[in-house]
C-alpha atoms as a PDB file:
ATOM      1  CA  MET A   1       8.127   0.380  12.654  1.00  0.00           C
ATOM      2  CA  SER A   2       7.249  -3.316  12.649  1.00  0.00           C
ATOM      3  CA  ALA A   3       6.900  -5.298   9.459  1.00  0.00           C
ATOM      4  CA  THR A   4       3.745  -7.086   8.340  1.00  0.00           C
ATOM      5  CA  VAL A   5       3.986 -10.724   7.267  1.00  0.00           C
ATOM      6  CA  HIS A   6       1.440 -11.845   4.688  1.00  0.00           C
ATOM      7  CA  PRO A   7       1.130 -15.656   4.753  1.00  0.00           C
ATOM      8  CA  ARG A   8       1.954 -17.913   1.840  1.00  0.00           C
ATOM      9  CA  ARG A   9      -0.880 -18.150  -0.662  1.00  0.00           C
ATOM     10  CA  GLY A  10      -1.919 -21.481  -2.111  1.00  0.00           C
ATOM     11  CA  ALA A  11      -1.650 -22.358  -5.778  1.00  0.00           C
ATOM     12  CA  ARG A  12      -4.260 -20.823  -8.068  1.00  0.00           C
ATOM     13  CA  ARG A  13      -5.567 -21.935 -11.421  1.00  0.00           C
ATOM     14  CA  GLY A  14      -6.146 -19.500 -14.227  1.00  0.00           C
ATOM     15  CA  ALA A  15      -5.878 -15.732 -14.209  1.00  0.00           C
ATOM     16  CA  VAL A  16      -6.341 -13.821 -10.973  1.00  0.00           C
ATOM     17  CA  ARG A  17      -8.689 -10.867 -11.330  1.00  0.00           C
ATOM     18  CA  VAL A  18      -8.255  -7.839  -9.097  1.00  0.00           C
ATOM     19  CA  THR A  19     -11.171  -5.497  -8.527  1.00  0.00           C
ATOM     20  CA  SER A  20      -9.583  -2.310  -7.189  1.00  0.00           C
ATOM     21  CA  TRP A  21      -8.286   0.433  -9.443  1.00  0.00           C
ATOM     22  CA  TRP A  22      -5.098   0.871  -7.392  1.00  0.00           C
ATOM     23  CA  SER A  23      -4.207  -2.816  -7.705  1.00  0.00           C
ATOM     24  CA  ARG A  24      -4.672  -2.599 -11.456  1.00  0.00           C
ATOM     25  CA  ALA A  25      -2.423   0.470 -11.497  1.00  0.00           C
ATOM     26  CA  TRP A  26       0.228  -1.434  -9.507  1.00  0.00           C
ATOM     27  CA  LEU A  27       0.025  -4.406 -11.876  1.00  0.00           C
ATOM     28  CA  ARG A  28       0.445  -2.075 -14.863  1.00  0.00           C
ATOM     29  CA  ALA A  29       3.662  -0.861 -13.240  1.00  0.00           C
ATOM     30  CA  VAL A  30       4.721  -4.510 -12.862  1.00  0.00           C
ATOM     31  CA  GLU A  31       4.147  -4.968 -16.596  1.00  0.00           C
ATOM     32  CA  GLU A  32       6.453  -2.017 -17.249  1.00  0.00           C
ATOM     33  CA  ALA A  33       9.089  -3.580 -14.984  1.00  0.00           C
ATOM     34  CA  ALA A  34       9.157  -6.817 -17.031  1.00  0.00           C
ATOM     35  CA  TYR A  35      11.861  -7.337 -19.644  1.00  0.00           C
ATOM     36  CA  ASP A  36       9.379  -8.766 -22.124  1.00  0.00           C
ATOM     37  CA  GLU A  37       5.981 -10.449 -22.366  1.00  0.00           C
ATOM     38  CA  ALA A  38       7.440 -13.932 -21.911  1.00  0.00           C
ATOM     39  CA  GLU A  39       9.085 -12.916 -18.623  1.00  0.00           C
ATOM     40  CA  LEU A  40       5.847 -11.279 -17.469  1.00  0.00           C
ATOM     41  CA  THR A  41       3.832 -14.422 -18.265  1.00  0.00           C
ATOM     42  CA  ALA A  42       6.358 -16.563 -16.400  1.00  0.00           C
ATOM     43  CA  GLY A  43       6.258 -14.167 -13.435  1.00  0.00           C
ATOM     44  CA  ARG A  44       2.481 -14.422 -13.259  1.00  0.00           C
ATOM     45  CA  ALA A  45       2.788 -18.207 -13.287  1.00  0.00           C
ATOM     46  CA  VAL A  46       5.190 -17.975 -10.329  1.00  0.00           C
ATOM     47  CA  ALA A  47       2.681 -15.766  -8.487  1.00  0.00           C
ATOM     48  CA  ARG A  48      -0.064 -18.374  -9.008  1.00  0.00           C
ATOM     49  CA  SER A  49       2.138 -21.386  -8.236  1.00  0.00           C
ATOM     50  CA  GLY A  50       1.964 -21.312  -4.439  1.00  0.00           C
ATOM     51  CA  ARG A  51       5.773 -21.396  -4.347  1.00  0.00           C
ATOM     52  CA  ILE A  52       6.137 -17.897  -2.887  1.00  0.00           C
ATOM     53  CA  GLY A  53       6.583 -17.917   0.881  1.00  0.00           C
ATOM     54  CA  GLY A  54       5.224 -15.304   3.262  1.00  0.00           C
ATOM     55  CA  VAL A  55       5.676 -11.785   1.897  1.00  0.00           C
ATOM     56  CA  ILE A  56       7.193  -9.438   4.465  1.00  0.00           C
ATOM     57  CA  VAL A  57       6.183  -5.800   3.933  1.00  0.00           C
ATOM     58  CA  ASP A  58       7.946  -3.065   5.864  1.00  0.00           C
ATOM     59  CA  SER A  59       8.339   0.672   5.530  1.00  0.00           C
ATOM     60  CA  GLY A  60       9.537   1.113   1.958  1.00  0.00           C
ATOM     61  CA  SER A  61      10.587  -2.494   1.443  1.00  0.00           C
ATOM     62  CA  PHE A  62       9.444  -6.065   0.885  1.00  0.00           C
ATOM     63  CA  VAL A  63      11.061  -9.493   0.878  1.00  0.00           C
ATOM     64  CA  ALA A  64       9.910 -13.033   0.116  1.00  0.00           C
ATOM     65  CA  ALA A  65      11.378 -16.453  -0.586  1.00  0.00           C
ATOM     66  CA  VAL A  66      10.569 -18.197  -3.854  1.00  0.00           C
ATOM     67  CA  GLU A  67      11.230 -21.840  -4.628  1.00  0.00           C
ATOM     68  CA  ASP A  68      11.479 -23.544  -7.989  1.00  0.00           C
ATOM     69  CA  PRO A  69      13.026 -26.782  -9.303  1.00  0.00           C
ATOM     70  CA  ARG A  70      16.454 -25.134  -9.320  1.00  0.00           C
ATOM     71  CA  GLY A  71      16.475 -23.997  -5.709  1.00  0.00           C
ATOM     72  CA  LEU A  72      15.258 -21.474  -3.133  1.00  0.00           C
ATOM     73  CA  TRP A  73      15.686 -17.788  -3.904  1.00  0.00           C
ATOM     74  CA  THR A  74      15.197 -14.554  -2.024  1.00  0.00           C
ATOM     75  CA  VAL A  75      13.469 -11.585  -3.647  1.00  0.00           C
ATOM     76  CA  SER A  76      13.719  -8.140  -2.081  1.00  0.00           C
ATOM     77  CA  GLY A  77      12.743  -4.699  -3.231  1.00  0.00           C
ATOM     78  CA  THR A  78      12.203  -1.120  -2.157  1.00  0.00           C
ATOM     79  CA  LEU A  79       9.850   1.753  -2.835  1.00  0.00           C
ATOM     80  CA  PRO A  80      10.590   5.394  -1.909  1.00  0.00           C
ATOM     81  CA  VAL A  81       8.822   6.350   1.323  1.00  0.00           C
ATOM     82  CA  LEU A  82       6.978   9.589   1.996  1.00  0.00           C
ATOM     83  CA  ASP A  83       8.904  12.202   3.932  1.00  0.00           C
ATOM     84  CA  ASP A  84       7.245  13.984   6.842  1.00  0.00           C
ATOM     85  CA  ALA A  85       6.000  16.869   4.709  1.00  0.00           C
ATOM     86  CA  SER A  86       4.426  14.461   2.211  1.00  0.00           C
ATOM     87  CA  LEU A  87       2.853  12.449   5.018  1.00  0.00           C
ATOM     88  CA  SER A  88       1.335  15.626   6.474  1.00  0.00           C
ATOM     89  CA  ALA A  89      -0.034  16.505   3.033  1.00  0.00           C
ATOM     90  CA  LEU A  90      -1.508  13.004   2.730  1.00  0.00           C
ATOM     91  CA  VAL A  91      -3.274  13.383   6.078  1.00  0.00           C
ATOM     92  CA  GLU A  92      -4.688  16.723   4.951  1.00  0.00           C
ATOM     93  CA  SER A  93      -5.971  15.014   1.806  1.00  0.00           C
ATOM     94  CA  VAL A  94      -7.636  12.270   3.843  1.00  0.00           C
ATOM     95  CA  VAL A  95      -9.489  14.638   6.177  1.00  0.00           C
ATOM     96  CA  ALA A  96     -10.439  17.039   3.377  1.00  0.00           C
ATOM     97  CA  THR A  97     -13.525  14.890   2.727  1.00  0.00           C
ATOM     98  CA  PRO A  98     -15.098  13.025   5.682  1.00  0.00           C
ATOM     99  CA  ARG A  99     -15.914   9.845   3.785  1.00  0.00           C
ATOM    100  CA  ARG A 100     -12.252   9.233   2.965  1.00  0.00           C
ATOM    101  CA  VAL A 101     -11.389   8.036   6.478  1.00  0.00           C
ATOM    102  CA  ALA A 102     -14.303   5.613   6.502  1.00  0.00           C
ATOM    103  CA  SER A 103     -13.389   4.449   2.988  1.00  0.00           C
ATOM    104  CA  LEU A 104      -9.822   3.624   4.031  1.00  0.00           C
ATOM    105  CA  LEU A 105     -11.037   1.694   7.055  1.00  0.00           C
ATOM    106  CA  ALA A 106     -13.434  -0.213   4.800  1.00  0.00           C
ATOM    107  CA  GLY A 107     -10.591  -1.261   2.481  1.00  0.00           C
ATOM    108  CA  ASP A 108     -11.082   1.346  -0.242  1.00  0.00           C
ATOM    109  CA  LEU A 109      -8.594   3.886  -1.577  1.00  0.00           C
ATOM    110  CA  PRO A 110     -10.688   6.701  -3.053  1.00  0.00           C
ATOM    111  CA  HIS A 111      -9.481   7.824  -6.464  1.00  0.00           C
ATOM    112  CA  ASP A 112     -10.111  11.461  -5.601  1.00  0.00           C
ATOM    113  CA  LEU A 113      -7.924  11.091  -2.497  1.00  0.00           C
ATOM    114  CA  VAL A 114      -4.982   9.938  -4.608  1.00  0.00           C
ATOM    115  CA  GLU A 115      -5.604  12.725  -7.137  1.00  0.00           C
ATOM    116  CA  HIS A 116      -5.800  15.301  -4.339  1.00  0.00           C
ATOM    117  CA  ALA A 117      -2.575  13.974  -2.835  1.00  0.00           C
ATOM    118  CA  GLU A 118      -0.849  14.131  -6.228  1.00  0.00           C
ATOM    119  CA  GLN A 119      -1.854  17.790  -6.539  1.00  0.00           C
ATOM    120  CA  LEU A 120       0.007  18.323  -3.273  1.00  0.00           C
ATOM    121  CA  GLY A 121       3.051  16.531  -4.648  1.00  0.00           C
ATOM    122  CA  VAL A 122       2.432  13.180  -2.942  1.00  0.00           C
ATOM    123  CA  GLU A 123       2.877  10.091  -5.127  1.00  0.00           C
ATOM    124  CA  LEU A 124       1.291   6.924  -3.741  1.00  0.00           C
ATOM    125  CA  LEU A 125       1.228   4.721  -6.823  1.00  0.00           C
ATOM    126  CA  PRO A 126       4.533   3.627  -8.377  1.00  0.00           C
ATOM    127  CA  TYR A 127       5.580   5.165 -11.668  1.00  0.00           C
ATOM    128  CA  GLY A 128       8.350   4.794 -14.200  1.00  0.00           C
ATOM    129  CA  GLY A 129      11.234   2.749 -12.889  1.00  0.00           C
ATOM    130  CA  GLU A 130      10.217   2.906  -9.230  1.00  0.00           C
ATOM    131  CA  LEU A 131       9.161  -0.741  -9.145  1.00  0.00           C
ATOM    132  CA  ALA A 132      12.292  -2.842  -8.961  1.00  0.00           C
ATOM    133  CA  ALA A 133      13.309  -5.969  -7.125  1.00  0.00           C
ATOM    134  CA  VAL A 134      16.478  -8.035  -6.889  1.00  0.00           C
ATOM    135  CA  CYS A 135      16.753 -11.798  -6.595  1.00  0.00           C
ATOM    136  CA  THR A 136      19.481 -14.191  -5.521  1.00  0.00           C
ATOM    137  CA  CYS A 137      18.986 -16.300  -8.641  1.00  0.00           C
ATOM    138  CA  ALA A 138      21.436 -16.066 -11.526  1.00  0.00           C
ATOM    139  CA  SER A 139      19.020 -14.521 -14.022  1.00  0.00           C
ATOM    140  CA  TRP A 140      20.418 -11.670 -16.096  1.00  0.00           C
ATOM    141  CA  THR A 141      17.043  -9.938 -16.419  1.00  0.00           C
ATOM    142  CA  ASP A 142      15.916  -7.247 -14.031  1.00  0.00           C
ATOM    143  CA  SER A 143      13.335  -7.924 -12.715  1.00  0.00           C
ATOM    144  CA  CYS A 144      13.576 -11.734 -13.012  1.00  0.00           C
ATOM    145  CA  VAL A 145      10.544 -14.032 -13.082  1.00  0.00           C
ATOM    146  CA  HIS A 146      10.795 -14.633  -9.320  1.00  0.00           C
ATOM    147  CA  ALA A 147      10.773 -10.887  -8.651  1.00  0.00           C
ATOM    148  CA  LEU A 148       7.892 -10.376 -11.070  1.00  0.00           C
ATOM    149  CA  GLY A 149       5.992 -13.100  -9.239  1.00  0.00           C
ATOM    150  CA  VAL A 150       6.445 -11.386  -5.878  1.00  0.00           C
ATOM    151  CA  LEU A 151       5.564  -7.964  -7.329  1.00  0.00           C
ATOM    152  CA  THR A 152       2.434  -9.471  -8.868  1.00  0.00           C
ATOM    153  CA  GLN A 153       1.437 -11.060  -5.587  1.00  0.00           C
ATOM    154  CA  LEU A 154       1.878  -7.714  -3.848  1.00  0.00           C
ATOM    155  CA  GLY A 155      -0.673  -6.316  -6.283  1.00  0.00           C
ATOM    156  CA  TRP A 156      -3.093  -9.059  -5.262  1.00  0.00           C
ATOM    157  CA  LEU A 157      -2.463  -8.421  -1.565  1.00  0.00           C
ATOM    158  CA  MET A 158      -3.284  -4.731  -1.801  1.00  0.00           C
ATOM    159  CA  ASP A 159      -6.473  -5.425  -3.770  1.00  0.00           C
ATOM    160  CA  GLY A 160      -8.477  -5.754  -0.554  1.00  0.00           C
ATOM    161  CA  ASP A 161      -6.169  -3.747   1.680  1.00  0.00           C
ATOM    162  CA  PRO A 162      -4.806  -0.386   0.466  1.00  0.00           C
ATOM    163  CA  PHE A 163      -2.671  -0.202   3.610  1.00  0.00           C
ATOM    164  CA  VAL A 164      -0.320  -2.698   1.933  1.00  0.00           C
ATOM    165  CA  LEU A 165       0.440   0.049  -0.588  1.00  0.00           C
ATOM    166  CA  LEU A 166       0.571   2.726   2.103  1.00  0.00           C
ATOM    167  CA  GLN A 167       3.000   0.692   4.208  1.00  0.00           C
ATOM    168  CA  LEU A 168       5.267   0.300   1.190  1.00  0.00           C
ATOM    169  CA  ARG A 169       5.265   4.100   1.047  1.00  0.00           C
ATOM    170  CA  GLY A 170       6.247   4.200   4.719  1.00  0.00           C
ATOM    171  CA  VAL A 171       2.756   4.843   6.119  1.00  0.00           C
ATOM    172  CA  ARG A 172       1.379   2.360   8.631  1.00  0.00           C
ATOM    173  CA  ARG A 173      -2.314   2.193   9.434  1.00  0.00           C
ATOM    174  CA  ASP A 174      -1.871   3.137  13.111  1.00  0.00           C
ATOM    175  CA  GLU A 175       0.418   6.060  12.286  1.00  0.00           C
ATOM    176  CA  LEU A 176      -1.962   7.476   9.685  1.00  0.00           C
ATOM    177  CA  LEU A 177      -4.967   7.179  11.994  1.00  0.00           C
ATOM    178  CA  ALA A 178      -2.990   8.746  14.836  1.00  0.00           C
ATOM    179  CA  ARG A 179      -2.130  11.746  12.679  1.00  0.00           C
ATOM    180  CA  ILE A 180      -5.755  12.073  11.576  1.00  0.00           C
ATOM    181  CA  HIS A 181      -6.845  11.920  15.211  1.00  0.00           C
ATOM    182  CA  ARG A 182      -4.360  14.598  16.284  1.00  0.00           C
ATOM    183  CA  LEU A 183      -5.305  16.861  13.381  1.00  0.00           C
ATOM    184  CA  THR A 184      -9.029  16.662  14.075  1.00  0.00           C
ATOM    185  CA  ALA A 185      -8.918  16.651  17.893  1.00  0.00           C
ATOM    186  CA  PRO A 186     -10.168  19.904  19.472  1.00  0.00           C
ATOM    187  CA  PRO A 187      -7.313  22.182  20.646  1.00  0.00           C
ATOM    188  CA  ASP A 188      -8.548  21.973  24.242  1.00  0.00           C
ATOM    189  CA  ALA A 189      -8.822  18.167  24.224  1.00  0.00           C
ATOM    190  CA  PRO A 190      -6.961  16.320  27.004  1.00  0.00           C
ATOM    191  CA  VAL A 191      -3.482  15.154  26.075  1.00  0.00           C
ATOM    192  CA  SER A 192      -4.704  11.550  26.370  1.00  0.00           C
ATOM    193  CA  ASP A 193      -7.085  12.266  23.491  1.00  0.00           C
ATOM    194  CA  ARG A 194      -4.203  13.443  21.295  1.00  0.00           C
ATOM    195  CA  VAL A 195      -1.760  10.604  21.813  1.00  0.00           C
ATOM    196  CA  ALA A 196       0.083   9.092  18.872  1.00  0.00           C
ATOM    197  CA  ASP A 197      -0.845   5.459  19.525  1.00  0.00           C
ATOM    198  CA  VAL A 198      -4.142   4.753  17.855  1.00  0.00           C
ATOM    199  CA  ASP A 199      -5.136   1.134  17.549  1.00  0.00           C
ATOM    200  CA  ASP A 200      -8.869   1.328  18.045  1.00  0.00           C
ATOM    201  CA  VAL A 201     -11.289   1.559  15.121  1.00  0.00           C
ATOM    202  CA  ASP A 202     -13.830   3.484  17.199  1.00  0.00           C
ATOM    203  CA  LEU A 203     -11.188   6.147  17.827  1.00  0.00           C
ATOM    204  CA  ALA A 204     -10.523   6.403  14.108  1.00  0.00           C
ATOM    205  CA  LEU A 205     -14.221   6.708  13.341  1.00  0.00           C
ATOM    206  CA  GLU A 206     -14.467   9.403  16.000  1.00  0.00           C
ATOM    207  CA  ALA A 207     -11.715  11.267  14.168  1.00  0.00           C
ATOM    208  CA  ALA A 208     -13.673  10.939  10.927  1.00  0.00           C
ATOM    209  CA  LEU A 209     -16.787  12.368  12.549  1.00  0.00           C
ATOM    210  CA  ARG A 210     -14.783  15.258  13.985  1.00  0.00           C
ATOM    211  CA  ALA A 211     -13.421  15.952  10.502  1.00  0.00           C
ATOM    212  CA  GLN A 212     -16.970  15.918   9.154  1.00  0.00           C
ATOM    213  CA  ARG A 213     -18.156  18.382  11.806  1.00  0.00           C
ATOM    214  CA  MET A 214     -15.146  20.622  11.184  1.00  0.00           C
ATOM    215  CA  LEU A 215     -15.851  20.736   7.447  1.00  0.00           C
ATOM    216  CA  ALA A 216     -19.557  21.290   8.031  1.00  0.00           C
ATOM    217  CA  GLU A 217     -18.741  24.375  10.088  1.00  0.00           C
ATOM    218  CA  LEU A 218     -16.634  25.712   7.238  1.00  0.00           C
ATOM    219  CA  ASP A 219     -19.155  24.791   4.554  1.00  0.00           C
ATOM    220  CA  PRO A 220     -22.738  24.116   5.696  1.00  0.00           C
ATOM    221  CA  GLY A 221     -23.432  22.478   2.350  1.00  0.00           C
ATOM    222  CA  THR A 222     -20.795  19.726   2.896  1.00  0.00           C
END
């Protein structure tokens, strides 16, 4: 599973406003991870400073370099990934309502999808002490201001791309779409139509339409 590198972001002035509910939920978890309000404020300043290098997001992990007047530091962190059973349940949640596939492709994470997944025991958003990061600096706080800065920037990154969150949970875009395609493909479809490698948006939309037809057959009022 290859990592995704999100380029360095330039310095920003003032508060950064996120618009998606899942980003706000992530940032609330970051607040809970801060030692106190002063550390949180300093972490937000680091996130806006432009001193965070490219953020590397992989399955269940992230890493980024942060520079300040005292030196160059490395921040890394992890998030529990979904096991195969949870991933299967997530796919079932996605195809349960046809619009959910299209919403994901359009950069939206439907609230009802996350609620449905939670009912099946699948946690997508971090909770409690799940959000943690370590840093090579000598700070005694956990998470330090550098880590809080990177965690904050991750919240900004996923604002327009919920697959940043999904990848942190071990779910890549192509893998999720491949599973959706396999689940919705007719049983008698050629093997080539049920392959695991899905990197074409048209193929994903075709899967969404198949899901819609399948649900319509079960419930004409859908």
